[in-house]
């Protein structure tokens, strides 16, 4: 029985869901939402905070500040509360209401950026605001998840070895791309492994992380309005872009079988199922990473009025999303969404 005194000391790391009965194709989903922060971002948050402490950057009066669309902000709020620091999250209007309330409940402050930057996103404006804060008061300490090597090292040291222990014959790994910390950590680890593993990045349409055309993105978690500084495409074998409508459909198909996952998971699963449809190889062992659970998306991804207002009335009428269906019918392949870097 685990007994802990710090909330970040607990993290269930060996839970997988077999998606074959739901989608009709073999894929194991690594669930990263079972910790007190509720997401995979806990790993990066712990790594970056502890590195800052070792380097002497954090003092008793320090104020942690970070730009985040939500999950890292919750993780840092929790760690700051545990360690006695103040924390300010700089986010934007896409951040789920429940996520903002969680940060505030944990004692964090939240500043919402409402104006778009030159790239049509919010990230540049968020980062500019953080830089202004740090220049105005030396108590602010910016961990900078976009450039901090602790972001990818957390997954090199933890996430990838966890998968390797469970699946020693792994063939393909699907990882959602945001800051690309998870992607780069896992890719670097498996590049050195005893057998080749195909690393497939899953991005959302409208993200420019891999050179795609900028566009509207309303579901937080994946995608960037700039090229991620941590990204090294030489470690990535393929990139898949997923439409947000397909993200919604995958989430609802999972929910129809009792699994309530977040928007990022829907994106990764949708992209993985497309890839598996095009690469039907007997005995292929494939794993996808699920960053969080679905409670924080109840007012967006799982809210019918919001979905219909944004994506139209027919999005949930698709046969792919029939909640009562118990037979695993493979999701149809959607061509034209893949490329090799």
Foldseek 3Di string as FASTA:
>chain_A
DDDDDAQLVDWDFQDWDFCCQQAVFGEIETEGQPGPLRWPLLLLLVLLVVVCVVVVLADLAAEEEEEFLASNLSNNLRNCLRVNHEYEYEYEPLRFPVRQVSSVVSPYHYHYDYDADPLRHCVVVSVVVLVVVCVVDVSYDYSPCLAHLSLQCSLLVPVQVSVCVVCVPAAEEEEEAASCSNVNSNLVNQVPDPDHHAYEYEAEAQACQPHHRHDDDRFDDGGDSDHRPVDDLVSHFKYFYHYLLQLLLQQLSCVLVPFFAGSSVSRRVSRVLLVCVVVVDPPHHYYYYGTGGHPSCCVASVNQVNCCVVPNDCSCVDPSNPSPDSGNHHDDHDPDGMDTD
